[in-house]
Amino acid sequence: MNPRSASQARAADSTAAVAPRRVIPIQPEPVDELVETSLYQSERKIYPRAVSGWFSRWRWMLVWATQLLFYGLPWLILNDRQAVLFDLGARRFYIFNLVLYPQDLIYLTGLLIISALSLFLFTAVAGRLWCGYACPQTVYTEIFMWVERRIEGDRAQRIKLDQSPLGWAKVSRKVVKHGVWIAIGLWTGFTLVGYFTPVRELAREVLALGLGPWETFWVLFYGFATYGNAGWMREQVCKYMCPYARFQSAMFDRDTLIVSYDAQRGEGRATRARSESRESLRERGLGDCIDCGLCVQVCPTGIDIRRGLQYECISCSACIDVCNSVMDKMHYPRGLIRYSTPNGLAQGWSVRQMWRRVLRARVLIYASVLLMVTSAVLGSLVMRSPFKVDVVRDRGAIARMVGAGFIENVYRLQVMNASESVSRYQISVEGLPGLRMASEEAIEVGPASSRWVAVRVQAPPGSAGPGSHPIRFHIQLQGAQAHELAEKSVFLVPR
């Protein structure tokens, strides 16, 4: 062998040793040159196939967890009351041991900020996890589809039933299915209203057919919203009504874990015999995808994950479960469809290499801000005062002269007891020389109640010139949980 041939052989061997993974482009499906699409074209009905697997079990665990929490929470009793109750009429919000007032709206703001930051963080790390596993639309659609499969059968049976002529068997199954759906929807609406009206009173009113007009409206509204969204609209809600599908890409990057099809391993697609070895398939230019189409059949939004990431994908991972089951039957390695990152697929990274990129700048910023906001909200709740006070000047008596030349101003104090026991409070005032209380200084407020108190404050003659002068009320909680609040106001001296 001449030197030139030997060097070429060595170069070929070294190139083969470090050759990158084969790249097989996905061939786009042929389309006509002119495609006419109606803006009002109705969507084809999707018949998702039942699937079982690791991700499916996780999804059902979250269905059970969320529904047990939602349906069971209103029935819990704490301190002789409903544990979680948003009493709009009395302007009291009970969350276990917390009693909140409308003045505590800041906590709702904090909760919304925490929820948004959590969504941003989870999306940056692993895509639409919320949509695929815990979103109410996904959860109730999963429940409604389970009912549908139990009554009408799996995918092929449902298609056959819908295409069959109208008859007793078809009508009876449809009536039973929709009856169960409506019952679930109404129970959902009843439970939701039970968070705002004591659920036991609500149940008694329903049984006595004495439900009020507003409760009736909201039970029916939320009930039929659940029935319509989960029973009829399903993927249309995710595709067209939910804004998250539209801006999710702004939170994705090349290191976000998403449901991905490994085209380098799977293409080209073709059916084959189980007995044919993978080596012979590679020689024929075939990949591991047998083109069975099951990944499309199990998708609740009807997409083909093999075409790449699409905004309709809710990351439910049903395609991963069904593809893994097919790989098991073919005796191929799992993971043709899997959670991966665009960089991981392009570079052929292992799971460990991809997880090393999780703690990147975007994720660290989201996590840091989320930690700070959560700590601030929790710290505020821990240090929260057991009562609140609002001071309002009596507009009917701005300032007046009383006996011995004293100047008197009248105020109204609203004392809100945020504890669930009777509390006593001591009221005092300061800000001007000789300023004194001319009304009752000790008051009592019932558990989780508020009380308006008229307070007369007097200043001796000559203690201040005409005009407005700042003063401060001190309200002190008596007893073991001694606490004091100070509220500012002004004292008017007439000219």
Protein backbone atom coordinates (compact mmCIF):
# COMPACT_ATOMS: atom_id res chain seq x y z
CA MET A 1 0.00 0.00 0.00
CA ASN A 2 1.41 3.38 -0.95
CA PRO A 3 1.78 6.12 1.72
CA ARG A 4 -1.07 8.15 0.26
CA SER A 5 -3.53 5.23 0.51
CA ALA A 6 -2.43 4.45 4.05
CA SER A 7 -2.95 8.05 5.19
CA GLN A 8 -6.36 8.14 3.58
CA ALA A 9 -7.34 4.92 5.38
CA ARG A 10 -6.18 6.30 8.72
CA ALA A 11 -8.13 9.51 8.10
CA ALA A 12 -11.26 7.52 7.25
CA ASP A 13 -10.91 5.43 10.42
CA SER A 14 -10.46 8.52 12.61
CA THR A 15 -13.42 10.22 10.95
CA ALA A 16 -15.60 7.17 11.54
CA ALA A 17 -14.54 7.10 15.19
CA VAL A 18 -15.79 10.62 15.84
CA ALA A 19 -18.58 10.76 13.30
CA PRO A 20 -21.58 12.70 14.54
CA ARG A 21 -24.99 11.16 14.85
CA ARG A 22 -26.66 10.74 11.53
CA VAL A 23 -29.01 13.56 10.64
CA ILE A 24 -32.08 12.54 8.68
CA PRO A 25 -34.30 15.48 7.80
CA ILE A 26 -38.01 15.07 8.33
CA GLN A 27 -39.68 15.21 4.96
CA PRO A 28 -42.64 17.58 4.96
CA GLU A 29 -45.91 16.13 3.87
CA PRO A 30 -46.84 17.06 0.33
CA VAL A 31 -49.38 19.84 0.06
CA ASP A 32 -51.31 21.29 -2.82
CA GLU A 33 -50.08 24.51 -4.33
CA LEU A 34 -53.30 26.31 -3.45
CA VAL A 35 -55.01 25.59 -0.16
CA GLU A 36 -58.31 27.26 0.64
CA THR A 37 -59.11 27.42 4.36
CA SER A 38 -62.33 28.72 5.85
CA LEU A 39 -61.93 31.01 8.84
CA TYR A 40 -65.06 29.44 10.30
CA GLN A 41 -64.30 25.81 9.48
CA SER A 42 -65.35 23.49 12.29
CA GLU A 43 -62.63 21.30 13.79
CA ARG A 44 -62.69 17.56 13.27
CA LYS A 45 -63.63 15.61 16.36
CA ILE A 46 -60.70 14.05 18.18
CA TYR A 47 -61.03 10.55 19.63
CA PRO A 48 -58.10 10.12 22.04
CA ARG A 49 -57.07 6.55 22.65
CA ALA A 50 -56.63 5.25 26.21
CA VAL A 51 -53.02 4.93 27.33
CA SER A 52 -51.25 3.58 30.38
CA GLY A 53 -47.73 4.18 31.56
CA TRP A 54 -45.53 6.03 34.02
CA PHE A 55 -46.66 9.51 33.03
CA SER A 56 -50.29 8.46 32.84
CA ARG A 57 -50.13 7.19 36.41
CA TRP A 58 -48.63 10.50 37.55
CA ARG A 59 -51.39 12.38 35.76
CA TRP A 60 -54.08 10.33 37.47
CA MET A 61 -52.39 10.78 40.85
CA LEU A 62 -52.68 14.54 40.37
CA VAL A 63 -56.30 14.18 39.22
CA TRP A 64 -57.12 12.38 42.46
CA ALA A 65 -55.11 14.80 44.60
CA THR A 66 -56.62 17.95 43.11
CA GLN A 67 -60.19 16.65 43.17
CA LEU A 68 -60.01 15.30 46.71
CA LEU A 69 -58.71 18.70 47.77
CA PHE A 70 -61.29 20.67 45.80
CA TYR A 71 -64.34 18.57 46.67
CA GLY A 72 -63.33 17.76 50.24
CA LEU A 73 -62.02 21.08 51.53
CA PRO A 74 -65.40 22.84 51.96
CA TRP A 75 -66.62 20.01 54.23
CA LEU A 76 -63.79 20.35 56.75
CA ILE A 77 -64.76 21.91 60.09
CA LEU A 78 -62.35 23.99 62.17
CA ASN A 79 -63.25 26.04 65.27
CA ASP A 80 -66.95 25.24 64.78
CA ARG A 81 -66.97 26.72 61.30
CA GLN A 82 -66.10 25.79 57.74
CA ALA A 83 -62.30 25.57 57.49
CA VAL A 84 -62.12 27.43 54.16
CA LEU A 85 -64.88 29.96 53.54
CA PHE A 86 -64.93 33.23 51.62
CA ASP A 87 -67.91 34.94 53.22
CA LEU A 88 -68.48 37.89 50.90
CA GLY A 89 -71.60 39.06 52.73
CA ALA A 90 -69.84 39.37 56.08
CA ARG A 91 -66.56 40.42 54.43
CA ARG A 92 -64.66 37.64 56.18
CA PHE A 93 -62.31 35.16 54.56
CA TYR A 94 -61.51 32.09 56.62
CA ILE A 95 -58.51 30.00 55.58
CA PHE A 96 -57.97 27.45 58.33
CA ASN A 97 -56.73 29.49 61.33
CA LEU A 98 -56.48 32.72 59.34
CA VAL A 99 -59.26 35.30 59.40
CA LEU A 100 -58.75 37.85 56.64
CA TYR A 101 -60.57 41.09 55.89
CA PRO A 102 -60.88 43.04 52.62
CA GLN A 103 -57.99 45.18 53.92
CA ASP A 104 -55.80 42.06 53.55
CA LEU A 105 -56.07 42.16 49.76
CA ILE A 106 -52.28 42.43 49.64
CA TYR A 107 -52.07 38.70 50.42
CA LEU A 108 -54.16 37.87 47.37
CA THR A 109 -51.79 40.00 45.31
CA GLY A 110 -48.84 38.12 46.77
CA LEU A 111 -50.51 34.77 46.00
CA LEU A 112 -51.09 35.78 42.38
CA ILE A 113 -47.47 36.90 42.02
CA ILE A 114 -46.24 33.62 43.52
CA SER A 115 -48.48 31.64 41.13
CA ALA A 116 -47.23 33.58 38.09
CA LEU A 117 -43.57 33.22 39.07
CA SER A 118 -44.05 29.49 39.74
CA LEU A 119 -45.59 29.10 36.29
CA PHE A 120 -42.65 30.96 34.70
CA LEU A 121 -40.14 28.84 36.62
CA PHE A 122 -41.72 25.47 35.82
CA THR A 123 -42.17 26.45 32.18
CA ALA A 124 -38.55 27.54 31.82
CA VAL A 125 -37.38 24.24 33.31
CA ALA A 126 -39.77 21.69 31.79
CA GLY A 127 -42.33 23.34 29.54
CA ARG A 128 -46.08 23.16 30.07
CA LEU A 129 -46.13 20.91 33.13
CA TRP A 130 -49.07 22.84 34.58
CA CYS A 131 -51.12 22.32 31.42
CA GLY A 132 -50.37 18.62 31.16
CA TYR A 133 -50.93 17.57 34.75
CA ALA A 134 -52.74 20.06 37.00
CA CYS A 135 -54.70 22.58 34.90
CA PRO A 136 -58.45 22.28 35.68
CA GLN A 137 -59.20 22.01 31.96
CA THR A 138 -56.85 19.03 31.66
CA VAL A 139 -58.06 17.43 34.89
CA TYR A 140 -61.77 17.61 34.05
CA THR A 141 -61.19 16.60 30.44
CA GLU A 142 -59.37 13.52 31.75
CA ILE A 143 -62.32 12.73 34.05
CA PHE A 144 -64.89 13.25 31.31
CA MET A 145 -62.95 11.12 28.83
CA TRP A 146 -62.72 8.34 31.43
CA VAL A 147 -66.52 8.43 31.77
CA GLU A 148 -66.85 8.41 27.99
CA ARG A 149 -64.60 5.36 27.62
CA ARG A 150 -66.51 3.47 30.31
CA ILE A 151 -69.87 4.07 28.61
CA GLU A 152 -69.04 4.16 24.89
CA GLY A 153 -65.79 2.17 24.74
CA ASP A 154 -62.31 3.04 23.55
CA ARG A 155 -61.37 4.97 20.43
CA ALA A 156 -62.45 2.50 17.72
CA GLN A 157 -65.77 1.80 19.45
CA ARG A 158 -66.54 5.50 19.86
CA ILE A 159 -65.80 6.20 16.21
CA LYS A 160 -68.01 3.29 15.17
CA LEU A 161 -70.79 4.46 17.49
CA ASP A 162 -70.73 8.02 16.14
CA GLN A 163 -70.82 6.76 12.54
CA SER A 164 -73.66 4.32 13.21
CA PRO A 165 -77.27 5.28 12.42
CA LEU A 166 -79.47 6.63 15.17
CA GLY A 167 -80.93 3.84 17.25
CA TRP A 168 -81.82 2.79 20.76
CA ALA A 169 -78.31 1.58 21.64
CA LYS A 170 -76.70 4.81 20.44
CA VAL A 171 -79.26 7.13 22.06
CA SER A 172 -79.18 5.31 25.40
CA ARG A 173 -75.39 5.45 25.63
CA LYS A 174 -75.32 9.12 24.69
CA VAL A 175 -78.03 9.98 27.22
CA VAL A 176 -76.25 8.12 30.02
CA LYS A 177 -72.90 9.71 29.16
CA HIS A 178 -74.24 13.25 29.07
CA GLY A 179 -76.27 12.62 32.22
CA VAL A 180 -73.11 11.64 34.11
CA TRP A 181 -71.25 14.61 32.63
CA ILE A 182 -73.99 17.02 33.71
CA ALA A 183 -74.04 15.49 37.21
CA ILE A 184 -70.26 15.97 37.55
CA GLY A 185 -70.57 19.54 36.26
CA LEU A 186 -73.38 20.43 38.68
CA TRP A 187 -71.53 18.88 41.61
CA THR A 188 -68.49 20.95 40.62
CA GLY A 189 -70.59 24.12 40.49
CA PHE A 190 -72.20 23.27 43.84
CA THR A 191 -68.78 22.71 45.42
CA LEU A 192 -67.39 25.97 44.05
CA VAL A 193 -70.34 27.95 45.40
CA GLY A 194 -69.81 26.11 48.70
CA TYR A 195 -66.57 28.03 49.15
CA PHE A 196 -68.59 31.28 49.29
CA THR A 197 -71.80 30.09 50.96
CA PRO A 198 -71.43 27.61 53.86
CA VAL A 199 -71.64 24.29 52.07
CA ARG A 200 -73.85 22.59 54.66
CA GLU A 201 -76.40 25.38 54.50
CA LEU A 202 -76.19 25.22 50.71
CA ALA A 203 -76.84 21.47 50.76
CA ARG A 204 -79.89 21.91 53.01
CA GLU A 205 -81.27 24.58 50.69
CA VAL A 206 -80.78 22.33 47.66
CA LEU A 207 -82.52 19.39 49.34
CA ALA A 208 -85.38 21.65 50.45
CA LEU A 209 -85.61 23.18 46.96
CA GLY A 210 -85.07 26.56 48.56
CA LEU A 211 -81.87 27.64 46.85
CA GLY A 212 -81.63 31.41 46.38
CA PRO A 213 -81.49 33.00 42.92
CA TRP A 214 -77.82 33.95 43.05
CA GLU A 215 -76.69 30.56 44.34
CA THR A 216 -78.84 28.88 41.68
CA PHE A 217 -77.31 31.03 38.94
CA TRP A 218 -73.70 30.38 39.94
CA VAL A 219 -74.19 26.64 40.48
CA LEU A 220 -75.71 26.34 37.00
CA PHE A 221 -73.15 28.70 35.46
CA TYR A 222 -70.09 26.87 36.76
CA GLY A 223 -71.74 23.47 36.29
CA PHE A 224 -72.48 23.98 32.62
CA ALA A 225 -69.13 25.73 32.08
CA THR A 226 -67.46 22.53 33.32
CA TYR A 227 -69.77 20.40 31.20
CA GLY A 228 -69.16 22.48 28.07
CA ASN A 229 -65.41 22.92 28.44
CA ALA A 230 -64.51 19.36 29.44
CA GLY A 231 -67.23 17.51 27.54
CA TRP A 232 -67.56 19.42 24.28
CA MET A 233 -64.81 21.98 23.72
CA ARG A 234 -61.86 20.11 25.26
CA GLU A 235 -58.78 20.85 23.14
CA GLN A 236 -60.44 23.96 21.67
CA VAL A 237 -60.10 25.66 25.06
CA CYS A 238 -56.35 24.95 25.09
CA LYS A 239 -55.83 25.92 21.46
CA TYR A 240 -57.97 29.02 21.13
CA MET A 241 -59.20 30.28 24.50
CA CYS A 242 -56.18 29.85 26.77
CA PRO A 243 -53.61 32.65 26.29
CA TYR A 244 -50.82 30.55 27.79
CA ALA A 245 -50.46 28.53 24.59
CA ARG A 246 -49.69 31.74 22.71
CA PHE A 247 -46.96 33.21 24.87
CA GLN A 248 -45.38 30.01 26.19
CA SER A 249 -42.59 30.19 23.61
CA ALA A 250 -41.36 33.41 25.24
CA MET A 251 -40.41 31.33 28.30
CA PHE A 252 -38.78 28.48 26.35
CA ASP A 253 -35.14 28.33 25.36
CA ARG A 254 -32.81 25.71 23.92
CA ASP A 255 -32.35 24.13 27.36
CA THR A 256 -36.03 23.74 28.27
CA LEU A 257 -37.18 20.14 28.73
CA ILE A 258 -40.03 19.47 26.31
CA VAL A 259 -41.75 16.42 24.86
CA SER A 260 -39.54 15.65 21.86
CA TYR A 261 -39.33 13.13 19.06
CA ASP A 262 -35.79 11.94 18.31
CA ALA A 263 -35.78 12.28 14.52
CA GLN A 264 -32.15 11.16 14.23
CA ARG A 265 -33.08 7.85 15.76
CA GLY A 266 -36.60 7.46 14.40
CA GLU A 267 -36.35 8.43 10.72
CA GLY A 268 -37.08 7.02 8.24
CA ARG A 269 -40.36 5.66 9.31
CA ALA A 270 -41.72 2.37 8.04
CA THR A 271 -43.54 -0.73 9.17
CA ARG A 272 -41.44 -3.81 9.67
CA ALA A 273 -41.47 -7.31 11.09
CA ARG A 274 -40.50 -7.74 14.72
CA SER A 275 -37.97 -10.35 13.77
CA GLU A 276 -35.96 -7.95 11.58
CA SER A 277 -32.82 -6.74 13.33
CA ARG A 278 -32.05 -3.09 13.85
CA GLU A 279 -28.77 -3.51 11.95
CA SER A 280 -30.56 -4.64 8.80
CA LEU A 281 -33.01 -1.79 9.21
CA ARG A 282 -30.14 0.69 9.40
CA GLU A 283 -28.71 -0.75 6.20
CA ARG A 284 -32.07 -0.07 4.56
CA GLY A 285 -32.04 3.50 5.92
CA LEU A 286 -34.87 2.91 8.40
CA GLY A 287 -35.06 4.20 11.94
CA ASP A 288 -36.86 2.95 15.04
CA CYS A 289 -40.23 4.59 14.27
CA ILE A 290 -42.56 1.92 12.90
CA ASP A 291 -45.06 4.59 11.80
CA CYS A 292 -47.88 3.04 13.82
CA GLY A 293 -49.52 6.41 14.44
CA LEU A 294 -50.37 5.62 18.07
CA CYS A 295 -48.66 8.80 19.27
CA VAL A 296 -51.22 10.76 17.25
CA GLN A 297 -54.14 8.62 18.40
CA VAL A 298 -53.46 9.17 22.11
CA CYS A 299 -52.84 12.92 21.81
CA PRO A 300 -55.74 14.88 23.38
CA THR A 301 -55.14 17.80 21.01
CA GLY A 302 -54.68 15.64 17.90
CA ILE A 303 -51.15 16.72 16.91
CA ASP A 304 -48.29 14.65 15.54
CA ILE A 305 -45.31 15.14 17.85
CA ARG A 306 -43.03 13.85 15.10
CA ARG A 307 -43.44 17.18 13.32
CA GLY A 308 -41.68 18.93 16.20
CA LEU A 309 -42.90 21.17 18.99
CA GLN A 310 -46.30 22.76 18.32
CA TYR A 311 -48.18 25.28 20.40
CA GLU A 312 -51.09 22.84 20.79
CA CYS A 313 -48.89 20.42 22.77
CA ILE A 314 -49.85 20.50 26.47
CA SER A 315 -46.99 18.20 27.60
CA CYS A 316 -49.34 15.52 28.88
CA SER A 317 -46.74 12.88 27.83
CA ALA A 318 -49.35 10.42 26.56
CA CYS A 319 -47.27 10.02 23.40
CA ILE A 320 -44.24 9.08 25.52
CA ASP A 321 -46.15 6.34 27.32
CA VAL A 322 -47.61 4.79 24.18
CA CYS A 323 -44.34 5.02 22.24
CA ASN A 324 -42.45 3.35 25.08
CA SER A 325 -44.96 0.50 25.04
CA VAL A 326 -44.40 0.07 21.29
CA MET A 327 -40.62 0.11 21.77
CA ASP A 328 -40.98 -2.60 24.41
CA LYS A 329 -42.95 -4.79 22.02
CA MET A 330 -40.36 -4.27 19.29
CA HIS A 331 -37.51 -4.89 21.78
CA TYR A 332 -36.07 -1.45 21.01
CA PRO A 333 -34.69 0.95 23.62
CA ARG A 334 -37.24 3.31 25.12
CA GLY A 335 -37.07 7.06 24.61
CA LEU A 336 -37.83 7.55 20.93
CA ILE A 337 -40.27 10.16 22.26
CA ARG A 338 -39.09 11.58 25.56
CA TYR A 339 -38.53 14.68 27.61
CA SER A 340 -35.46 16.31 26.14
CA THR A 341 -34.08 19.72 25.27
CA PRO A 342 -33.43 21.06 21.77
CA ASN A 343 -29.73 21.31 22.62
CA GLY A 344 -29.79 17.81 24.06
CA LEU A 345 -31.31 16.35 20.89
CA ALA A 346 -28.98 18.24 18.59
CA GLN A 347 -25.83 17.37 20.54
CA GLY A 348 -26.82 13.87 21.63
CA TRP A 349 -26.49 14.71 25.33
CA SER A 350 -27.27 12.31 28.12
CA VAL A 351 -29.88 13.03 30.78
CA ARG A 352 -27.16 14.11 33.20
CA GLN A 353 -25.68 16.54 30.68
CA MET A 354 -29.08 18.12 30.07
CA TRP A 355 -29.84 18.50 33.78
CA ARG A 356 -26.53 20.31 34.24
CA ARG A 357 -27.98 23.13 32.14
CA VAL A 358 -31.06 23.50 34.33
CA LEU A 359 -29.45 26.01 36.70
CA ARG A 360 -28.99 28.69 34.06
CA ALA A 361 -29.48 32.44 34.43
CA ARG A 362 -33.19 32.53 33.58
CA VAL A 363 -34.06 29.74 36.01
CA LEU A 364 -31.94 31.23 38.79
CA ILE A 365 -33.60 34.64 38.38
CA TYR A 366 -37.11 33.15 38.48
CA ALA A 367 -36.22 30.98 41.49
CA SER A 368 -34.60 33.86 43.39
CA VAL A 369 -37.51 36.26 42.86
CA LEU A 370 -40.00 33.50 43.72
CA LEU A 371 -38.11 32.70 46.94
CA MET A 372 -38.01 36.37 47.96
CA VAL A 373 -41.72 36.98 47.30
CA THR A 374 -42.75 33.75 49.03
CA SER A 375 -40.58 34.54 52.05
CA ALA A 376 -42.00 38.06 52.24
CA VAL A 377 -45.61 36.84 52.11
CA LEU A 378 -45.03 34.08 54.67
CA GLY A 379 -43.12 36.46 56.94
CA SER A 380 -45.93 38.99 56.71
CA LEU A 381 -48.49 36.33 57.63
CA VAL A 382 -46.43 35.19 60.62
CA MET A 383 -45.98 38.74 61.93
CA ARG A 384 -49.53 39.76 61.05
CA SER A 385 -51.40 41.72 63.69
CA PRO A 386 -54.29 39.87 65.38
CA PHE A 387 -56.53 42.89 64.82
CA LYS A 388 -56.90 45.91 62.54
CA VAL A 389 -58.10 49.44 63.13
CA ASP A 390 -59.47 52.11 60.80
CA VAL A 391 -59.93 55.70 62.04
CA VAL A 392 -62.58 57.89 60.39
CA ARG A 393 -63.38 61.45 61.41
CA ASP A 394 -67.03 62.15 62.20
CA ARG A 395 -68.02 64.51 59.40
CA GLY A 396 -71.18 65.56 61.24
CA ALA A 397 -69.22 67.20 64.10
CA ILE A 398 -65.86 68.52 62.90
CA ALA A 399 -64.89 70.42 66.07
CA ARG A 400 -66.84 72.00 68.91
CA MET A 401 -66.41 73.80 72.22
CA VAL A 402 -67.48 71.92 75.35
CA GLY A 403 -67.37 72.67 79.09
CA ALA A 404 -64.41 74.57 80.59
CA GLY A 405 -63.32 75.72 77.13
CA PHE A 406 -62.17 72.30 75.99
CA ILE A 407 -62.17 71.64 72.22
CA GLU A 408 -63.67 68.31 71.23
CA ASN A 409 -63.30 66.25 68.03
CA VAL A 410 -65.32 63.12 67.37
CA TYR A 411 -63.91 60.05 65.58
CA ARG A 412 -65.19 56.65 64.61
CA LEU A 413 -62.87 53.70 65.08
CA GLN A 414 -63.50 50.38 63.36
CA VAL A 415 -61.79 47.63 65.32
CA MET A 416 -61.58 44.32 63.43
CA ASN A 417 -60.81 41.25 65.49
CA ALA A 418 -58.85 38.75 63.35
CA SER A 419 -58.79 36.11 66.05
CA GLU A 420 -61.53 33.61 66.88
CA SER A 421 -61.92 34.56 70.52
CA VAL A 422 -63.41 37.53 72.35
CA SER A 423 -60.80 40.30 72.66
CA ARG A 424 -60.56 43.43 74.82
CA TYR A 425 -58.81 46.58 73.66
CA GLN A 426 -57.56 49.71 75.43
CA ILE A 427 -57.74 53.00 73.49
CA SER A 428 -55.52 56.01 74.18
CA VAL A 429 -54.50 59.12 72.25
CA GLU A 430 -51.49 61.44 72.11
CA GLY A 431 -50.15 64.32 70.05
CA LEU A 432 -51.13 67.54 71.88
CA PRO A 433 -50.45 68.77 75.45
CA GLY A 434 -53.25 67.69 77.75
CA LEU A 435 -55.04 65.67 75.05
CA ARG A 436 -57.48 63.20 76.64
CA MET A 437 -60.14 60.64 75.89
CA ALA A 438 -63.66 61.77 76.82
CA SER A 439 -65.36 58.47 75.98
CA GLU A 440 -65.04 54.81 76.84
CA GLU A 441 -61.40 53.72 76.69
CA ALA A 442 -61.88 49.95 76.94
CA ILE A 443 -63.95 48.05 74.39
CA GLU A 444 -64.70 44.42 73.65
CA VAL A 445 -65.02 42.80 70.21
CA GLY A 446 -66.40 39.34 69.51
CA PRO A 447 -64.53 36.58 67.68
CA ALA A 448 -63.86 37.26 63.99
CA SER A 449 -66.02 40.37 64.23
CA SER A 450 -65.68 44.10 63.76
CA ARG A 451 -67.12 46.95 65.79
CA TRP A 452 -67.54 50.66 65.15
CA VAL A 453 -66.80 52.78 68.22
CA ALA A 454 -67.50 56.51 68.60
CA VAL A 455 -64.53 58.19 70.30
CA ARG A 456 -64.52 61.75 71.69
CA VAL A 457 -61.14 63.42 72.07
CA GLN A 458 -60.70 66.72 73.96
CA ALA A 459 -57.86 69.22 74.10
CA PRO A 460 -57.55 71.92 76.81
CA PRO A 461 -57.88 75.55 75.76
CA GLY A 462 -54.65 77.09 74.47
CA SER A 463 -52.92 73.76 73.90
CA ALA A 464 -52.74 74.35 70.16
CA GLY A 465 -53.35 77.13 67.67
CA PRO A 466 -56.11 77.15 65.09
CA GLY A 467 -55.78 74.61 62.28
CA SER A 468 -55.08 70.93 61.86
CA HIS A 469 -52.72 69.08 64.19
CA PRO A 470 -51.49 65.48 63.87
CA ILE A 471 -52.46 63.06 66.62
CA ARG A 472 -52.05 59.33 67.11
CA PHE A 473 -54.44 56.73 68.48
CA HIS A 474 -53.00 53.74 70.33
CA ILE A 475 -55.11 50.60 70.46
CA GLN A 476 -53.70 47.88 72.68
CA LEU A 477 -54.88 44.27 72.77
CA GLN A 478 -55.25 43.03 76.34
CA GLY A 479 -54.46 39.52 77.49
CA ALA A 480 -51.84 36.89 76.74
CA GLN A 481 -51.33 37.98 73.11
CA ALA A 482 -50.66 41.62 73.94
CA HIS A 483 -50.27 43.68 70.80
CA GLU A 484 -50.50 47.38 70.00
CA LEU A 485 -51.40 49.34 66.87
CA ALA A 486 -50.98 53.05 66.25
CA GLU A 487 -53.16 54.94 63.76
CA LYS A 488 -52.66 58.53 62.63
CA SER A 489 -55.34 61.18 62.41
CA VAL A 490 -55.71 64.96 62.84
CA PHE A 491 -57.23 67.16 65.50
CA LEU A 492 -58.96 70.34 64.29
CA VAL A 493 -58.92 73.55 66.32
CA PRO A 494 -61.43 76.17 65.12
CA ARG A 495 -60.35 79.77 64.54
